[in-house]
């Protein structure tokens, strides 16, 4: 049976996978992520997800490795994780009262089988109008420094989020339905899975699968 490694320190991603029934090992990537302003949010997250997954896969060639990356996009501007509380307040203030995109891309790779799968999910999130005092109170409850956009969908969301259109899991950090479809291509299934047809029978939207030469 193939083992599953998550190339991330994100407790939200590992929690989503474990709640879905997956047995997952955490091996954080040490790769330097790109922050190129020349790339679209989808291109940027696909690049970083691939970098993370492949770096860890080199060290664990027999395992199935999952890497992911999330950014928030408002118009042509991309927001990652804030550097400090001051930039977190400015970031959330800029997003407040507006609708933005949450873009999460992921890469699943197994070096032994020379197989790689990429996919991405976009979710529209509308935030409530927020005063500086409201932002300060929210950040006193929720640590914004490890979260793209300086807010969390899974913690005190009612204080900042007005509406989510699309995958809620994607806003948390991982588009779980798409990830499950991708992992099935590597014969990785949650505990208790009984089988519902082959992975090839499960549609995957824009998912891209390829074998390395």
C-alpha atoms as a PDB file:
ATOM      1  CA  UNK A   1       0.000   0.000   0.000  1.00  0.00           C
ATOM      2  CA  UNK A   2       1.327   3.426  -0.945  1.00  0.00           C
ATOM      3  CA  UNK A   3       2.030   5.870   1.888  1.00  0.00           C
ATOM      4  CA  UNK A   4       0.798   9.456   1.741  1.00  0.00           C
ATOM      5  CA  UNK A   5       3.027  12.388   2.677  1.00  0.00           C
ATOM      6  CA  UNK A   6       1.816  15.976   3.038  1.00  0.00           C
ATOM      7  CA  UNK A   7       4.595  18.405   2.112  1.00  0.00           C
ATOM      8  CA  UNK A   8       3.243  21.126   4.389  1.00  0.00           C
ATOM      9  CA  UNK A   9       3.239  22.278   8.013  1.00  0.00           C
ATOM     10  CA  UNK A  10      -0.332  23.571   7.663  1.00  0.00           C
ATOM     11  CA  UNK A  11      -2.432  22.104  10.491  1.00  0.00           C
ATOM     12  CA  UNK A  12      -5.556  22.966   8.485  1.00  0.00           C
ATOM     13  CA  UNK A  13      -4.521  20.820   5.519  1.00  0.00           C
ATOM     14  CA  UNK A  14      -3.500  17.848   7.639  1.00  0.00           C
ATOM     15  CA  UNK A  15      -6.717  18.153   9.645  1.00  0.00           C
ATOM     16  CA  UNK A  16      -8.844  18.159   6.475  1.00  0.00           C
ATOM     17  CA  UNK A  17      -7.117  15.006   5.232  1.00  0.00           C
ATOM     18  CA  UNK A  18      -7.360  13.184   8.561  1.00  0.00           C
ATOM     19  CA  UNK A  19     -11.006  14.119   9.021  1.00  0.00           C
ATOM     20  CA  UNK A  20     -11.645  12.643   5.570  1.00  0.00           C
ATOM     21  CA  UNK A  21     -10.098   9.372   6.758  1.00  0.00           C
ATOM     22  CA  UNK A  22      -6.587   9.542   5.289  1.00  0.00           C
ATOM     23  CA  UNK A  23      -3.507   8.356   7.125  1.00  0.00           C
ATOM     24  CA  UNK A  24      -0.968  11.071   6.366  1.00  0.00           C
ATOM     25  CA  UNK A  25       2.648  11.717   7.323  1.00  0.00           C
ATOM     26  CA  UNK A  26       3.886  15.304   7.591  1.00  0.00           C
ATOM     27  CA  UNK A  27       7.180  16.141   5.857  1.00  0.00           C
ATOM     28  CA  UNK A  28       7.432  19.914   5.320  1.00  0.00           C
ATOM     29  CA  UNK A  29       9.091  21.139   2.146  1.00  0.00           C
ATOM     30  CA  UNK A  30      12.213  23.263   2.491  1.00  0.00           C
ATOM     31  CA  UNK A  31      11.996  24.684  -1.008  1.00  0.00           C
ATOM     32  CA  UNK A  32      12.136  28.432  -1.666  1.00  0.00           C
ATOM     33  CA  UNK A  33       8.700  29.452  -2.900  1.00  0.00           C
ATOM     34  CA  UNK A  34       8.214  31.845  -5.799  1.00  0.00           C
ATOM     35  CA  UNK A  35       6.406  35.155  -5.327  1.00  0.00           C
ATOM     36  CA  UNK A  36       6.703  36.279  -8.934  1.00  0.00           C
ATOM     37  CA  UNK A  37       4.367  39.119  -9.809  1.00  0.00           C
ATOM     38  CA  UNK A  38       4.588  38.044 -13.461  1.00  0.00           C
ATOM     39  CA  UNK A  39       2.449  34.956 -12.830  1.00  0.00           C
ATOM     40  CA  UNK A  40      -1.306  34.746 -12.410  1.00  0.00           C
ATOM     41  CA  UNK A  41      -2.563  33.473  -9.015  1.00  0.00           C
ATOM     42  CA  UNK A  42      -3.300  30.079 -10.559  1.00  0.00           C
ATOM     43  CA  UNK A  43       0.101  29.869 -12.270  1.00  0.00           C
ATOM     44  CA  UNK A  44       1.887  30.945  -9.089  1.00  0.00           C
ATOM     45  CA  UNK A  45       0.150  28.426  -6.840  1.00  0.00           C
ATOM     46  CA  UNK A  46       0.602  25.600  -9.354  1.00  0.00           C
ATOM     47  CA  UNK A  47       4.313  26.393  -9.531  1.00  0.00           C
ATOM     48  CA  UNK A  48       4.745  26.470  -5.750  1.00  0.00           C
ATOM     49  CA  UNK A  49       2.660  23.349  -5.162  1.00  0.00           C
ATOM     50  CA  UNK A  50       4.841  21.481  -7.659  1.00  0.00           C
ATOM     51  CA  UNK A  51       8.059  22.771  -6.116  1.00  0.00           C
ATOM     52  CA  UNK A  52       6.985  21.631  -2.647  1.00  0.00           C
ATOM     53  CA  UNK A  53       5.770  18.191  -3.694  1.00  0.00           C
ATOM     54  CA  UNK A  54       8.748  17.372  -5.901  1.00  0.00           C
ATOM     55  CA  UNK A  55      11.334  18.441  -3.321  1.00  0.00           C
ATOM     56  CA  UNK A  56       9.875  16.094  -0.719  1.00  0.00           C
ATOM     57  CA  UNK A  57       9.311  13.331  -3.308  1.00  0.00           C
ATOM     58  CA  UNK A  58      13.035  13.341  -4.076  1.00  0.00           C
ATOM     59  CA  UNK A  59      13.682  12.326  -0.473  1.00  0.00           C
ATOM     60  CA  UNK A  60      10.811   9.796  -0.378  1.00  0.00           C
ATOM     61  CA  UNK A  61      10.644   8.336  -3.908  1.00  0.00           C
ATOM     62  CA  UNK A  62       8.342   5.418  -3.025  1.00  0.00           C
ATOM     63  CA  UNK A  63       5.724   7.594  -1.325  1.00  0.00           C
ATOM     64  CA  UNK A  64       2.831   9.577  -2.769  1.00  0.00           C
ATOM     65  CA  UNK A  65       3.517  13.230  -1.934  1.00  0.00           C
ATOM     66  CA  UNK A  66       0.932  16.014  -1.827  1.00  0.00           C
ATOM     67  CA  UNK A  67       2.001  19.647  -2.023  1.00  0.00           C
ATOM     68  CA  UNK A  68      -0.354  22.633  -2.019  1.00  0.00           C
ATOM     69  CA  UNK A  69      -0.274  26.409  -2.150  1.00  0.00           C
ATOM     70  CA  UNK A  70      -2.962  29.032  -1.481  1.00  0.00           C
ATOM     71  CA  UNK A  71      -3.149  32.729  -2.299  1.00  0.00           C
ATOM     72  CA  UNK A  72      -5.854  35.370  -2.127  1.00  0.00           C
ATOM     73  CA  UNK A  73      -6.386  37.547  -5.200  1.00  0.00           C
ATOM     74  CA  UNK A  74      -8.184  40.882  -5.435  1.00  0.00           C
ATOM     75  CA  UNK A  75      -8.142  42.204  -8.976  1.00  0.00           C
ATOM     76  CA  UNK A  76      -4.539  42.065 -10.160  1.00  0.00           C
ATOM     77  CA  UNK A  77      -3.123  41.975  -6.633  1.00  0.00           C
ATOM     78  CA  UNK A  78      -2.120  38.749  -4.901  1.00  0.00           C
ATOM     79  CA  UNK A  79      -2.022  38.339  -1.122  1.00  0.00           C
ATOM     80  CA  UNK A  80      -0.027  35.631   0.593  1.00  0.00           C
ATOM     81  CA  UNK A  81       0.739  35.357   4.298  1.00  0.00           C
ATOM     82  CA  UNK A  82       1.375  38.676   6.079  1.00  0.00           C
ATOM     83  CA  UNK A  83       4.849  39.348   7.435  1.00  0.00           C
ATOM     84  CA  UNK A  84       3.654  40.888  10.708  1.00  0.00           C
ATOM     85  CA  UNK A  85       0.536  42.121  12.503  1.00  0.00           C
ATOM     86  CA  UNK A  86       0.764  45.570  10.933  1.00  0.00           C
ATOM     87  CA  UNK A  87       0.775  44.162   7.407  1.00  0.00           C
ATOM     88  CA  UNK A  88      -1.962  41.695   8.423  1.00  0.00           C
ATOM     89  CA  UNK A  89      -4.211  44.562   9.499  1.00  0.00           C
ATOM     90  CA  UNK A  90      -3.515  46.441   6.270  1.00  0.00           C
ATOM     91  CA  UNK A  91      -4.168  43.298   4.206  1.00  0.00           C
ATOM     92  CA  UNK A  92      -7.491  42.508   5.860  1.00  0.00           C
ATOM     93  CA  UNK A  93      -8.498  46.177   5.666  1.00  0.00           C
ATOM     94  CA  UNK A  94      -7.920  46.129   1.905  1.00  0.00           C
ATOM     95  CA  UNK A  95     -10.019  42.980   1.480  1.00  0.00           C
ATOM     96  CA  UNK A  96     -12.838  44.080   3.800  1.00  0.00           C
ATOM     97  CA  UNK A  97     -16.164  44.817   2.124  1.00  0.00           C
ATOM     98  CA  UNK A  98     -15.037  43.296  -1.184  1.00  0.00           C
ATOM     99  CA  UNK A  99     -15.231  39.979  -3.025  1.00  0.00           C
ATOM    100  CA  UNK A 100     -11.927  38.244  -3.702  1.00  0.00           C
ATOM    101  CA  UNK A 101     -10.725  34.898  -5.029  1.00  0.00           C
ATOM    102  CA  UNK A 102      -9.103  32.189  -2.957  1.00  0.00           C
ATOM    103  CA  UNK A 103      -6.898  30.086  -5.226  1.00  0.00           C
ATOM    104  CA  UNK A 104      -5.499  26.766  -4.025  1.00  0.00           C
ATOM    105  CA  UNK A 105      -3.440  24.558  -6.307  1.00  0.00           C
ATOM    106  CA  UNK A 106      -2.027  21.168  -5.464  1.00  0.00           C
ATOM    107  CA  UNK A 107       0.401  18.641  -6.898  1.00  0.00           C
ATOM    108  CA  UNK A 108       0.451  14.907  -6.194  1.00  0.00           C
ATOM    109  CA  UNK A 109       3.605  13.098  -7.248  1.00  0.00           C
ATOM    110  CA  UNK A 110       5.186   9.655  -6.894  1.00  0.00           C
ATOM    111  CA  UNK A 111       8.705   9.350  -8.225  1.00  0.00           C
ATOM    112  CA  UNK A 112       8.652   5.556  -8.256  1.00  0.00           C
ATOM    113  CA  UNK A 113       5.687   5.468 -10.642  1.00  0.00           C
ATOM    114  CA  UNK A 114       6.873   8.617 -12.490  1.00  0.00           C
ATOM    115  CA  UNK A 115       3.377  10.036 -12.187  1.00  0.00           C
ATOM    116  CA  UNK A 116       2.299  13.612 -11.377  1.00  0.00           C
ATOM    117  CA  UNK A 117      -1.153  15.160 -11.043  1.00  0.00           C
ATOM    118  CA  UNK A 118      -1.873  18.894 -10.849  1.00  0.00           C
ATOM    119  CA  UNK A 119      -5.188  20.596 -10.123  1.00  0.00           C
ATOM    120  CA  UNK A 120      -6.553  23.888  -8.793  1.00  0.00           C
ATOM    121  CA  UNK A 121      -9.722  25.309  -7.261  1.00  0.00           C
ATOM    122  CA  UNK A 122     -11.044  28.882  -7.177  1.00  0.00           C
ATOM    123  CA  UNK A 123     -13.546  30.087  -4.562  1.00  0.00           C
ATOM    124  CA  UNK A 124     -15.165  33.518  -4.318  1.00  0.00           C
ATOM    125  CA  UNK A 125     -15.239  35.000  -0.814  1.00  0.00           C
ATOM    126  CA  UNK A 126     -16.959  38.224   0.201  1.00  0.00           C
ATOM    127  CA  UNK A 127     -15.808  39.837   3.435  1.00  0.00           C
ATOM    128  CA  UNK A 128     -17.856  42.104   5.654  1.00  0.00           C
ATOM    129  CA  UNK A 129     -16.963  45.809   5.909  1.00  0.00           C
ATOM    130  CA  UNK A 130     -14.544  46.017   8.851  1.00  0.00           C
ATOM    131  CA  UNK A 131     -13.299  48.953  10.897  1.00  0.00           C
ATOM    132  CA  UNK A 132      -9.692  49.053  12.160  1.00  0.00           C
ATOM    133  CA  UNK A 133     -11.011  48.291  15.655  1.00  0.00           C
ATOM    134  CA  UNK A 134     -12.919  45.240  14.387  1.00  0.00           C
ATOM    135  CA  UNK A 135      -9.829  43.991  12.554  1.00  0.00           C
ATOM    136  CA  UNK A 136      -7.723  44.432  15.687  1.00  0.00           C
ATOM    137  CA  UNK A 137     -10.243  42.489  17.792  1.00  0.00           C
ATOM    138  CA  UNK A 138     -10.418  39.737  15.184  1.00  0.00           C
ATOM    139  CA  UNK A 139      -6.633  39.376  15.030  1.00  0.00           C
ATOM    140  CA  UNK A 140      -6.576  39.146  18.827  1.00  0.00           C
ATOM    141  CA  UNK A 141      -8.709  35.998  18.445  1.00  0.00           C
ATOM    142  CA  UNK A 142      -7.185  34.516  15.272  1.00  0.00           C
ATOM    143  CA  UNK A 143      -3.474  34.464  14.457  1.00  0.00           C
ATOM    144  CA  UNK A 144      -3.281  35.915  10.921  1.00  0.00           C
ATOM    145  CA  UNK A 145       0.422  35.356  10.273  1.00  0.00           C
ATOM    146  CA  UNK A 146       0.145  31.834   8.830  1.00  0.00           C
ATOM    147  CA  UNK A 147      -2.925  32.538   6.709  1.00  0.00           C
ATOM    148  CA  UNK A 148      -3.167  33.911   3.178  1.00  0.00           C
ATOM    149  CA  UNK A 149      -5.260  37.074   3.296  1.00  0.00           C
ATOM    150  CA  UNK A 150      -4.810  37.402   7.087  1.00  0.00           C
ATOM    151  CA  UNK A 151      -8.078  35.649   7.966  1.00  0.00           C
ATOM    152  CA  UNK A 152      -9.309  32.107   8.617  1.00  0.00           C
ATOM    153  CA  UNK A 153     -12.423  30.461   7.234  1.00  0.00           C
ATOM    154  CA  UNK A 154     -12.454  27.832   9.968  1.00  0.00           C
ATOM    155  CA  UNK A 155     -12.071  30.087  12.999  1.00  0.00           C
ATOM    156  CA  UNK A 156     -14.443  32.912  14.024  1.00  0.00           C
ATOM    157  CA  UNK A 157     -15.397  33.208  10.357  1.00  0.00           C
ATOM    158  CA  UNK A 158     -18.705  34.853  11.229  1.00  0.00           C
ATOM    159  CA  UNK A 159     -16.790  37.947  12.331  1.00  0.00           C
ATOM    160  CA  UNK A 160     -15.298  38.627   8.903  1.00  0.00           C
ATOM    161  CA  UNK A 161     -16.900  36.487   6.174  1.00  0.00           C
ATOM    162  CA  UNK A 162     -20.186  37.516   4.606  1.00  0.00           C
ATOM    163  CA  UNK A 163     -20.435  34.892   1.856  1.00  0.00           C
ATOM    164  CA  UNK A 164     -18.514  31.964   0.330  1.00  0.00           C
ATOM    165  CA  UNK A 165     -19.284  30.869  -3.235  1.00  0.00           C
ATOM    166  CA  UNK A 166     -17.730  27.516  -4.040  1.00  0.00           C
ATOM    167  CA  UNK A 167     -15.657  25.070  -2.020  1.00  0.00           C
ATOM    168  CA  UNK A 168     -15.402  26.014   1.656  1.00  0.00           C
ATOM    169  CA  UNK A 169     -12.601  23.462   2.150  1.00  0.00           C
ATOM    170  CA  UNK A 170     -10.641  25.336  -0.497  1.00  0.00           C
ATOM    171  CA  UNK A 171     -10.753  28.493   1.621  1.00  0.00           C
ATOM    172  CA  UNK A 172      -9.572  26.482   4.622  1.00  0.00           C
ATOM    173  CA  UNK A 173      -6.572  25.336   2.588  1.00  0.00           C
ATOM    174  CA  UNK A 174      -7.297  22.276   0.439  1.00  0.00           C
ATOM    175  CA  UNK A 175      -9.987  21.532  -2.188  1.00  0.00           C
ATOM    176  CA  UNK A 176     -10.749  18.163  -0.645  1.00  0.00           C
ATOM    177  CA  UNK A 177     -13.067  16.766  -3.335  1.00  0.00           C
ATOM    178  CA  UNK A 178     -10.483  17.367  -6.068  1.00  0.00           C
ATOM    179  CA  UNK A 179      -7.671  16.056  -3.868  1.00  0.00           C
ATOM    180  CA  UNK A 180      -9.595  12.839  -3.243  1.00  0.00           C
ATOM    181  CA  UNK A 181      -9.989  12.307  -6.987  1.00  0.00           C
ATOM    182  CA  UNK A 182      -6.287  12.889  -7.536  1.00  0.00           C
ATOM    183  CA  UNK A 183      -5.198  10.565  -4.717  1.00  0.00           C
ATOM    184  CA  UNK A 184      -7.416   7.803  -6.104  1.00  0.00           C
ATOM    185  CA  UNK A 185      -5.212   7.803  -9.219  1.00  0.00           C
ATOM    186  CA  UNK A 186      -2.359   6.681  -6.936  1.00  0.00           C
ATOM    187  CA  UNK A 187      -4.530   4.089  -5.140  1.00  0.00           C
ATOM    188  CA  UNK A 188      -4.644   6.257  -2.033  1.00  0.00           C
ATOM    189  CA  UNK A 189      -8.072   6.016  -0.378  1.00  0.00           C
ATOM    190  CA  UNK A 190      -9.537   7.036   2.984  1.00  0.00           C
ATOM    191  CA  UNK A 191     -10.036   4.452   5.717  1.00  0.00           C
ATOM    192  CA  UNK A 192     -13.111   2.329   5.150  1.00  0.00           C
ATOM    193  CA  UNK A 193     -13.223   2.971   1.406  1.00  0.00           C
ATOM    194  CA  UNK A 194     -15.220   0.208  -0.301  1.00  0.00           C
ATOM    195  CA  UNK A 195     -14.629   1.167  -3.933  1.00  0.00           C
ATOM    196  CA  UNK A 196     -16.984   2.998  -6.267  1.00  0.00           C
ATOM    197  CA  UNK A 197     -15.482   2.380  -9.673  1.00  0.00           C
ATOM    198  CA  UNK A 198     -12.011   3.140 -10.955  1.00  0.00           C
ATOM    199  CA  UNK A 199     -10.307   6.500 -10.642  1.00  0.00           C
ATOM    200  CA  UNK A 200     -10.643   6.931 -14.380  1.00  0.00           C
ATOM    201  CA  UNK A 201     -14.445   6.927 -13.981  1.00  0.00           C
ATOM    202  CA  UNK A 202     -14.350   9.896 -11.593  1.00  0.00           C
ATOM    203  CA  UNK A 203     -14.426  13.236 -13.421  1.00  0.00           C
ATOM    204  CA  UNK A 204     -11.825  15.718 -12.285  1.00  0.00           C
ATOM    205  CA  UNK A 205     -12.567  18.980 -14.048  1.00  0.00           C
ATOM    206  CA  UNK A 206      -9.332  20.670 -15.070  1.00  0.00           C
ATOM    207  CA  UNK A 207      -7.083  18.071 -13.450  1.00  0.00           C
ATOM    208  CA  UNK A 208      -3.873  17.396 -15.368  1.00  0.00           C
ATOM    209  CA  UNK A 209      -2.204  14.010 -15.009  1.00  0.00           C
ATOM    210  CA  UNK A 210       1.064  12.985 -16.595  1.00  0.00           C
ATOM    211  CA  UNK A 211       3.839  10.448 -16.360  1.00  0.00           C
ATOM    212  CA  UNK A 212       7.391  11.675 -16.247  1.00  0.00           C
ATOM    213  CA  UNK A 213       9.659  10.520 -19.097  1.00  0.00           C
END
